[in-house]
Every structure is written in structure tokens, then in C-alpha cells.
Amino acid sequence: MEMTTDTMKDSMKSAGTVLPESGHSLRDVAFPENYGDGARNAVKTCLRIQIEEKVTLITDRSCIAVAASIAHELDKIGCAWKGFVLEDLAPRPLAGMPREVLEDMETSQVSIFAVEVQPNELRSRMEMTDVVNRRRMRHAHMVNITGEIMVQGMRADFNAIDKLSQAVLDKVRKATYVRATTDAGTDIHAQLSANYKWFKTSGIISTEKWGNLPGGECFTAPGEVNGVFVVDGVVGDFLCKRYGILRETPLTINIEGNRITKVQCANKDLERDFWAYTHTDENSDRVGEFAIGTNIGVERVIGNILQDEKFPGVHIAFGDPYGAHTGAQWKSSTHIDVVGLGFNIWLGDADGEEQIMRDGVFLLDV
């Protein structure tokens, strides 16, 4: 059961702690005891924070209980850290990442971003990740983290996920294309480019590439994608919270030459919102990411893109291709993921094809 913001507040009040309006310390905020395993995973297994390091911990009022559980684990390690609650620094939606946050990151080796995003805040997140990329920080991106994720995906065995992700990575780096289908109607062909790099974000975060938590995916910027992608899982960014799981009202996206040519959905509000989002700028309708989810600890989609994009299968994203890592030279001010269910995946090259997933189950021997 997902713990909503109101439920969290009620739980805290029953525990004798009321959220202060501003200027509070994360050490003063109560959090459910069962967040502990996930918070410990984040701090010790995924980020491997050491006592001599400094951490910048960024949160907001919606995710403050999660951040408090992480702060508790940081205190156990004994490292230096500084916490920020965005509403104490600037009005939401953010026009940019507050200066205090960016300045603190300049003196940290690790940053953690546990925030419920609002529309049109991608620019502020990009300002933050620009610092991460430039300084080669270990960064955990926990966008729209919830209590449900803390007691599900964040409890996964990330060492096992890392092993599977490496096996997938070794294979996709040799492939020249990926072909994927689902019973719902997805049938896509992604031509891969030797100029674009593949990465894994398995939950074990390094200075090479910041990662989402919970982790579990291998991704690249594709050379070119063509075909039909049926979104019967979820769409990303703020549309995920607005529309939830799309199993009953899937969104069908036609793609030609890496660009969206048509979208169809019985839910016309979703159809219009998705079309508008993917036509924000000249590259918002361009496939910027092609990814394979590898979090075998996630058993179902829950209506939250942070966890759902790690669900075993294929997801793609329209918009920015994370060029600082993939090597793609173009940019976009937007990035929205779409997730399907029950994939069959084949990797191909001049010597033929190898199927690595059937009906959503990996066929790799790891």
C-alpha cells in the first residue's frame, strides 16, 4: 500500500511528532521504521558512503520522511552532511535549483535528491546534475520516492541486480540493433549507434554515471527507432502521477525515424497532455533513450516512474539523450519515459539474433 503524504503526516502525528513549517532539522522528523532497510541500502550498498565524505541531502515536504530515514543512516556512519528542504528555500515549481543547494554540492562528494517533482522543474534538476557531472559526484536520484518504493524496490538485492545488469550490458554493447515486441502490440526496432555509449545504473552508483534509486537498467541513446510502442505500463514525469497505470487505457505511439508521428489513447486528456509534452521544443518528440529494465526485485508496476522504469523489460524516453554520458550531440529541455509490459527482446548483429527475454522474463544465465 502506498503511503501518501497525508498518511505520512498522520503517522507522524500519532507518533508525537508534527512537521514544523520551516527551518526544521531532518533529525527532528519521524519516519516509519520499515523505511530502515531501504535507507540503509541507499547509503551503504548503493552509494557506499564513507565516514570521511560529505553528503548534500535534498528533499521537499512531500518526501521528508524518506529523507529523514536516510539522514538517520548517514548519522550512523558518522559522515558530514547537510540537508535542504526546497520549500524553505524557494517557491515551487522551482524556476531553478536554489543557490544554497548548488553551493553546498560544490563541497560534497555525494548528493541525494529525494523530491516529488512538479511541472516544469526539469531545468532545476538539470542544473543540479550539471554540478554532479562536472565534479564526478556519486548522486542518487530519488525523484517521486514514496513509502511504497522504500519497502519494495529499495529493499532489492542490488548486488544481484548489478550482476544481471552487467550481463545485459556485455551483450547490448556487441549488438547492432534491438528488436522488441509485446502481446499488447509493441513492435519496435532500435538501430544502435557505435558513437553512443551504453551505461548500466544498477543501483550501485559510481562517479562514472549518477543513477536513480531504486536502480536497475541499461540504457543508451539509440541511433534510430522505428515502429509502434504501446504504453500499458506508465508514462513519466508529472503525467505519471496524473494518469497512473495505463493497462486499461494504453497509449499507442507511432515512431518513424526516431520521431513521434502519431499517438492514440482512449483517454483523450492523456493523449493531449502527452502530445503537448513531447512537442515542447524541437527535440521533445525525438527518442533520446532506449533502455532495458533489470530490477528483478520489482514484481509489478505501481504507477510511479522512479520504480516502474526499472521493471524488467523495455522503456524508451522522448527528449534529452543525456549526451554528457551517451555521447549524443543534441539536446532537449524535456525528457519523458514510457514503460510497457511483458516484453520479448532480441539482440541482433551480422551473425544473427539472440533472444534475451521472453514474456518479461530474462533468459540469461547469470
Protein backbone atom coordinates (compact mmCIF):
# COMPACT_ATOMS: atom_id res chain seq x y z
CA MET A 1 0.00 0.00 0.00
CA GLU A 2 1.40 3.38 -0.94
CA MET A 3 1.92 5.77 1.92
CA THR A 4 0.67 9.15 0.75
CA THR A 5 1.88 12.48 2.09
CA ASP A 6 -1.26 12.84 4.24
CA THR A 7 -0.82 9.30 5.58
CA MET A 8 2.78 10.11 6.47
CA LYS A 9 1.70 13.23 8.33
CA ASP A 10 -0.99 11.32 10.22
CA SER A 11 1.55 8.64 11.12
CA MET A 12 3.97 11.26 12.40
CA LYS A 13 1.30 12.98 14.47
CA SER A 14 0.33 9.68 16.06
CA ALA A 15 3.99 9.18 16.89
CA GLY A 16 4.01 12.54 18.69
CA THR A 17 5.87 14.50 16.02
CA VAL A 18 4.29 17.28 13.95
CA LEU A 19 6.06 18.57 10.86
CA PRO A 20 7.41 22.06 11.55
CA GLU A 21 6.51 24.66 8.95
CA SER A 22 10.06 25.74 8.09
CA GLY A 23 13.65 25.74 9.22
CA HIS A 24 13.41 22.27 10.71
CA SER A 25 16.13 19.69 11.01
CA LEU A 26 15.65 16.33 9.32
CA ARG A 27 16.76 14.77 12.60
CA ASP A 28 13.52 16.06 14.14
CA VAL A 29 11.25 14.38 11.58
CA ALA A 30 9.70 10.99 12.39
CA PHE A 31 9.63 8.22 9.80
CA PRO A 32 8.16 4.71 9.63
CA GLU A 33 10.52 2.08 10.99
CA ASN A 34 10.13 -0.10 7.90
CA TYR A 35 11.92 2.54 5.78
CA GLY A 36 15.14 1.49 7.51
CA ASP A 37 16.17 -1.34 5.19
CA GLY A 38 15.71 0.78 2.07
CA ALA A 39 17.53 3.77 3.56
CA ARG A 40 20.39 1.52 4.66
CA ASN A 41 20.56 0.04 1.15
CA ALA A 42 20.79 3.53 -0.34
CA VAL A 43 23.53 4.76 1.97
CA LYS A 44 25.68 1.65 2.40
CA THR A 45 25.11 -0.64 -0.60
CA CYS A 46 24.26 1.79 -3.41
CA LEU A 47 26.28 4.89 -2.55
CA ARG A 48 28.86 3.26 -0.28
CA ILE A 49 29.29 6.45 1.71
CA GLN A 50 32.39 6.64 3.89
CA ILE A 51 32.88 8.43 7.21
CA GLU A 52 35.33 10.95 5.73
CA GLU A 53 32.92 12.08 2.98
CA LYS A 54 30.37 14.91 2.90
CA VAL A 55 26.82 14.50 1.58
CA THR A 56 24.28 17.02 0.25
CA LEU A 57 20.75 15.72 1.01
CA ILE A 58 17.96 17.49 -0.91
CA THR A 59 14.28 16.88 -0.21
CA ASP A 60 10.87 18.55 -0.05
CA ARG A 61 7.91 18.40 2.29
CA SER A 62 6.28 15.54 0.38
CA CYS A 63 9.30 13.24 0.68
CA ILE A 64 10.64 14.46 4.01
CA ALA A 65 10.02 11.20 5.87
CA VAL A 66 12.12 9.30 3.33
CA ALA A 67 14.88 11.90 3.62
CA ALA A 68 14.73 11.66 7.41
CA SER A 69 15.27 7.90 7.24
CA ILE A 70 18.31 8.46 5.01
CA ALA A 71 19.64 11.16 7.35
CA HIS A 72 19.36 8.66 10.20
CA GLU A 73 21.59 6.23 8.30
CA LEU A 74 24.09 8.99 7.49
CA ASP A 75 24.33 9.75 11.20
CA LYS A 76 25.03 6.08 11.88
CA ILE A 77 28.01 6.25 9.53
CA GLY A 78 29.19 9.46 11.16
CA CYS A 79 29.84 11.40 7.94
CA ALA A 80 29.24 15.12 7.48
CA TRP A 81 26.01 16.01 5.71
CA LYS A 82 23.75 19.00 5.13
CA GLY A 83 20.03 18.74 4.44
CA PHE A 84 17.84 21.09 2.42
CA VAL A 85 14.04 21.23 2.19
CA LEU A 86 13.22 23.01 -1.07
CA GLU A 87 10.10 24.82 0.16
CA ASP A 88 12.28 26.51 2.79
CA LEU A 89 14.45 27.99 0.05
CA ALA A 90 12.24 28.87 -2.95
CA PRO A 91 8.65 28.74 -4.22
CA ARG A 92 7.53 25.64 -6.15
CA PRO A 93 7.58 24.87 -9.00
CA LEU A 94 11.27 25.75 -8.96
CA ALA A 95 12.49 28.22 -11.57
CA GLY A 96 16.00 26.93 -10.86
CA MET A 97 17.85 24.96 -8.23
CA PRO A 98 18.38 27.23 -5.19
CA ARG A 99 21.85 28.73 -4.95
CA GLU A 100 22.36 27.37 -1.42
CA VAL A 101 21.97 23.81 -2.68
CA LEU A 102 24.33 24.21 -5.62
CA GLU A 103 26.97 25.88 -3.45
CA ASP A 104 26.82 23.09 -0.89
CA MET A 105 27.20 20.47 -3.62
CA GLU A 106 30.50 22.09 -4.59
CA THR A 107 31.96 20.83 -1.30
CA SER A 108 30.38 17.35 -1.28
CA GLN A 109 31.41 14.01 -2.73
CA VAL A 110 27.85 12.60 -2.67
CA SER A 111 24.39 14.06 -3.27
CA ILE A 112 20.92 12.60 -2.74
CA PHE A 113 17.77 14.07 -4.32
CA ALA A 114 14.54 12.77 -2.71
CA VAL A 115 11.83 15.09 -4.05
CA GLU A 116 8.32 14.92 -5.53
CA VAL A 117 8.71 16.80 -8.80
CA GLN A 118 6.30 19.41 -10.07
CA PRO A 119 5.59 20.50 -13.66
CA ASN A 120 8.31 22.46 -15.44
CA GLU A 121 11.06 21.72 -12.90
CA LEU A 122 13.35 19.77 -15.25
CA ARG A 123 15.60 22.81 -15.68
CA SER A 124 16.32 22.91 -11.94
CA ARG A 125 17.19 19.21 -11.90
CA MET A 126 19.50 19.69 -14.89
CA GLU A 127 21.29 22.50 -13.03
CA MET A 128 21.86 20.05 -10.19
CA THR A 129 23.08 17.20 -12.38
CA ASP A 130 25.38 19.59 -14.26
CA VAL A 131 27.26 20.03 -10.97
CA VAL A 132 27.18 16.25 -10.41
CA ASN A 133 28.60 15.56 -13.87
CA ARG A 134 31.28 18.25 -13.69
CA ARG A 135 32.50 17.22 -10.25
CA ARG A 136 32.00 13.47 -10.86
CA MET A 137 29.92 13.11 -7.72
CA ARG A 138 28.10 9.95 -6.70
CA HIS A 139 24.47 11.04 -6.97
CA ALA A 140 21.27 9.19 -6.05
CA HIS A 141 18.26 10.49 -7.97
CA MET A 142 15.16 9.51 -5.96
CA VAL A 143 12.53 11.51 -7.85
CA ASN A 144 8.98 10.92 -6.60
CA ILE A 145 10.16 8.44 -3.98
CA THR A 146 7.32 7.06 -1.83
CA GLY A 147 6.89 4.87 1.19
CA GLU A 148 5.76 2.06 -1.10
CA ILE A 149 9.04 2.19 -3.01
CA MET A 150 11.06 2.32 0.20
CA VAL A 151 9.57 -1.00 1.31
CA GLN A 152 9.63 -2.59 -2.18
CA GLY A 153 12.20 -1.60 -4.81
CA MET A 154 14.64 -0.09 -2.32
CA ARG A 155 14.83 -3.41 -0.48
CA ALA A 156 16.06 -5.25 -3.60
CA ASP A 157 19.34 -7.16 -3.76
CA PHE A 158 21.29 -4.57 -5.71
CA ASN A 159 24.39 -6.74 -5.92
CA ALA A 160 22.36 -9.38 -7.80
CA ILE A 161 20.80 -6.68 -9.97
CA ASP A 162 24.28 -5.34 -10.73
CA LYS A 163 25.40 -8.82 -11.83
CA LEU A 164 22.42 -9.18 -14.19
CA SER A 165 22.84 -5.62 -15.47
CA GLN A 166 26.48 -6.31 -16.31
CA ALA A 167 25.50 -9.44 -18.24
CA VAL A 168 22.94 -7.41 -20.23
CA LEU A 169 25.46 -4.61 -20.75
CA ASP A 170 28.07 -7.01 -22.14
CA LYS A 171 25.58 -8.27 -24.72
CA VAL A 172 23.98 -4.99 -25.82
CA ARG A 173 27.38 -3.39 -26.36
CA LYS A 174 28.08 -6.00 -29.04
CA ALA A 175 24.67 -5.71 -30.73
CA THR A 176 23.88 -3.50 -33.70
CA TYR A 177 20.11 -3.49 -33.11
CA VAL A 178 17.42 -4.42 -30.60
CA ARG A 179 14.02 -5.77 -31.56
CA ALA A 180 11.18 -5.90 -29.05
CA THR A 181 7.52 -6.99 -29.07
CA THR A 182 4.65 -7.40 -26.60
CA ASP A 183 1.22 -9.03 -26.76
CA ALA A 184 -0.28 -5.54 -26.32
CA GLY A 185 1.03 -4.54 -29.76
CA THR A 186 4.51 -3.11 -29.29
CA ASP A 187 6.76 -3.90 -32.25
CA ILE A 188 9.87 -1.73 -32.39
CA HIS A 189 13.29 -1.90 -33.99
CA ALA A 190 16.10 0.18 -32.48
CA GLN A 191 19.20 0.60 -34.60
CA LEU A 192 22.16 1.19 -32.31
CA SER A 193 24.96 3.65 -32.95
CA ALA A 194 28.62 2.84 -32.32
CA ASN A 195 29.03 6.53 -31.44
CA TYR A 196 26.69 6.32 -28.44
CA LYS A 197 27.67 4.61 -25.20
CA TRP A 198 25.67 2.11 -23.17
CA PHE A 199 25.53 2.51 -19.39
CA LYS A 200 24.16 0.50 -16.52
CA THR A 201 22.54 2.13 -13.50
CA SER A 202 22.04 -0.98 -11.43
CA GLY A 203 21.72 0.73 -8.07
CA ILE A 204 25.46 0.53 -7.42
CA ILE A 205 26.34 4.18 -8.02
CA SER A 206 29.78 5.33 -9.10
CA THR A 207 31.41 8.53 -10.31
CA GLU A 208 31.00 7.29 -13.90
CA LYS A 209 27.25 7.93 -14.01
CA TRP A 210 24.80 9.17 -11.43
CA GLY A 211 21.83 6.87 -11.03
CA ASN A 212 18.23 6.59 -9.99
CA LEU A 213 17.29 4.74 -6.83
CA PRO A 214 15.89 2.19 -6.90
CA GLY A 215 18.26 1.26 -9.73
CA GLY A 216 18.19 -1.43 -12.37
CA GLU A 217 18.55 -0.57 -16.05
CA CYS A 218 20.93 -0.46 -19.00
CA PHE A 219 20.45 2.48 -21.37
CA THR A 220 21.84 4.30 -24.36
CA ALA A 221 20.82 6.92 -26.88
CA PRO A 222 19.63 4.93 -29.92
CA GLY A 223 20.77 5.58 -33.44
CA GLU A 224 17.21 5.30 -34.78
CA VAL A 225 13.95 3.77 -33.54
CA ASN A 226 11.03 2.78 -35.77
CA GLY A 227 7.75 1.01 -35.07
CA VAL A 228 4.94 1.07 -32.53
CA PHE A 229 5.32 1.32 -28.76
CA VAL A 230 2.23 0.51 -26.67
CA VAL A 231 2.42 2.03 -23.20
CA ASP A 232 0.37 -0.28 -20.99
CA GLY A 233 2.61 0.45 -18.00
CA VAL A 234 3.15 4.13 -17.21
CA VAL A 235 4.30 7.44 -18.68
CA GLY A 236 6.86 9.55 -16.87
CA ASP A 237 7.40 12.92 -15.23
CA PHE A 238 4.33 14.58 -13.65
CA LEU A 239 2.00 12.74 -16.05
CA CYS A 240 2.71 9.51 -14.16
CA LYS A 241 1.01 10.76 -11.01
CA ARG A 242 -1.82 12.28 -13.04
CA TYR A 243 -2.71 9.13 -15.04
CA GLY A 244 -1.26 6.16 -13.15
CA ILE A 245 -1.11 2.66 -14.61
CA LEU A 246 -2.35 2.50 -18.21
CA ARG A 247 -3.18 -1.20 -18.51
CA GLU A 248 -6.88 -0.44 -19.16
CA THR A 249 -6.28 2.63 -21.34
CA PRO A 250 -2.93 2.09 -23.11
CA LEU A 251 -1.23 4.85 -25.06
CA THR A 252 -0.08 3.84 -28.56
CA ILE A 253 2.87 5.76 -30.01
CA ASN A 254 3.90 5.52 -33.66
CA ILE A 255 7.58 6.25 -34.26
CA GLU A 256 9.30 6.87 -37.60
CA GLY A 257 12.91 7.93 -37.96
CA ASN A 258 13.20 8.42 -34.18
CA ARG A 259 10.28 10.88 -34.11
CA ILE A 260 6.71 10.57 -32.87
CA THR A 261 4.30 10.66 -35.79
CA LYS A 262 1.06 9.78 -34.01
CA VAL A 263 -0.35 9.00 -30.56
CA GLN A 264 -3.65 7.31 -29.77
CA CYS A 265 -5.41 6.67 -26.46
CA ALA A 266 -8.98 6.15 -25.29
CA ASN A 267 -8.17 8.71 -22.59
CA LYS A 268 -8.13 11.86 -24.72
CA ASP A 269 -6.80 14.00 -21.84
CA LEU A 270 -3.72 11.80 -21.63
CA GLU A 271 -3.38 11.82 -25.41
CA ARG A 272 -3.42 15.64 -25.48
CA ASP A 273 -1.13 16.04 -22.47
CA PHE A 274 1.43 13.59 -23.81
CA TRP A 275 1.38 15.19 -27.27
CA ALA A 276 1.85 18.66 -25.74
CA TYR A 277 4.71 17.48 -23.51
CA THR A 278 6.52 15.83 -26.42
CA HIS A 279 6.19 18.96 -28.55
CA THR A 280 7.67 21.44 -26.08
CA ASP A 281 10.78 22.04 -28.19
CA GLU A 282 12.24 20.82 -31.47
CA ASN A 283 13.62 17.60 -29.95
CA SER A 284 10.95 16.77 -27.38
CA ASP A 285 9.40 14.20 -29.77
CA ARG A 286 12.75 12.52 -30.52
CA VAL A 287 13.72 9.19 -28.93
CA GLY A 288 16.59 10.14 -26.64
CA GLU A 289 16.85 6.99 -24.55
CA PHE A 290 16.48 3.27 -25.19
CA ALA A 291 16.67 1.16 -22.04
CA ILE A 292 16.23 -2.34 -20.65
CA GLY A 293 14.98 -2.58 -17.06
CA THR A 294 16.88 -5.08 -14.91
CA ASN A 295 15.48 -4.74 -11.37
CA ILE A 296 14.37 -8.32 -10.77
CA GLY A 297 13.25 -7.28 -7.29
CA VAL A 298 10.35 -5.32 -8.82
CA GLU A 299 7.44 -7.67 -9.45
CA ARG A 300 4.85 -5.27 -10.89
CA VAL A 301 4.32 -1.68 -11.96
CA ILE A 302 2.89 0.54 -9.23
CA GLY A 303 2.19 3.82 -11.02
CA ASN A 304 5.47 5.52 -10.12
CA ILE A 305 8.03 6.01 -12.88
CA LEU A 306 11.01 6.01 -10.49
CA GLN A 307 10.45 2.32 -9.79
CA ASP A 308 8.40 1.29 -12.81
CA GLU A 309 11.09 2.13 -15.40
CA LYS A 310 13.32 -0.45 -13.67
CA PHE A 311 10.68 -3.17 -14.17
CA PRO A 312 12.21 -5.93 -16.35
CA GLY A 313 11.51 -5.08 -19.99
CA VAL A 314 11.99 -2.14 -22.37
CA HIS A 315 11.34 1.51 -21.77
CA ILE A 316 12.18 4.42 -24.02
CA ALA A 317 12.21 8.15 -23.41
CA PHE A 318 11.50 11.09 -25.67
CA GLY A 319 13.63 14.20 -25.29
CA ASP A 320 17.07 14.80 -23.85
CA PRO A 321 19.54 11.92 -24.54
CA TYR A 322 21.83 12.57 -21.53
CA GLY A 323 24.54 13.49 -24.01
CA ALA A 324 27.19 14.09 -21.34
CA HIS A 325 27.19 10.32 -20.85
CA THR A 326 25.84 8.73 -24.04
CA GLY A 327 27.73 10.98 -26.44
CA ALA A 328 24.63 12.20 -28.31
CA GLN A 329 25.23 15.75 -29.52
CA TRP A 330 21.67 17.08 -29.48
CA LYS A 331 19.65 18.37 -26.51
CA SER A 332 16.09 18.91 -25.31
CA SER A 333 14.55 20.76 -22.39
CA THR A 334 12.28 17.74 -21.73
CA HIS A 335 12.64 14.01 -21.04
CA ILE A 336 9.70 11.66 -20.57
CA ASP A 337 9.87 7.87 -20.18
CA VAL A 338 7.26 5.36 -21.32
CA VAL A 339 7.02 1.82 -19.95
CA GLY A 340 5.44 -1.28 -21.48
CA LEU A 341 4.76 -4.75 -20.04
CA GLY A 342 5.53 -8.36 -20.95
CA PHE A 343 8.38 -7.91 -23.39
CA ASN A 344 10.12 -10.25 -25.79
CA ILE A 345 13.59 -8.87 -26.60
CA TRP A 346 16.10 -9.89 -29.26
CA LEU A 347 19.62 -8.53 -29.77
CA GLY A 348 21.00 -8.70 -33.29
CA ASP A 349 24.18 -8.24 -35.30
CA ALA A 350 25.64 -9.51 -38.57
CA ASP A 351 25.78 -13.06 -37.17
CA GLY A 352 22.07 -13.25 -36.27
CA GLU A 353 19.78 -12.74 -33.26
CA GLU A 354 19.73 -13.83 -29.64
CA GLN A 355 16.59 -13.65 -27.53
CA ILE A 356 17.36 -12.38 -24.02
CA MET A 357 13.79 -12.01 -22.67
CA ARG A 358 10.55 -13.91 -23.18
CA ASP A 359 7.23 -12.64 -21.79
CA GLY A 360 9.04 -10.35 -19.38
CA VAL A 361 11.47 -12.97 -18.03
CA PHE A 362 15.22 -12.79 -18.67
CA LEU A 363 16.73 -15.83 -20.41
CA LEU A 364 20.31 -15.05 -19.39
CA ASP A 365 22.26 -17.49 -17.26
CA VAL A 366 23.84 -15.35 -14.51
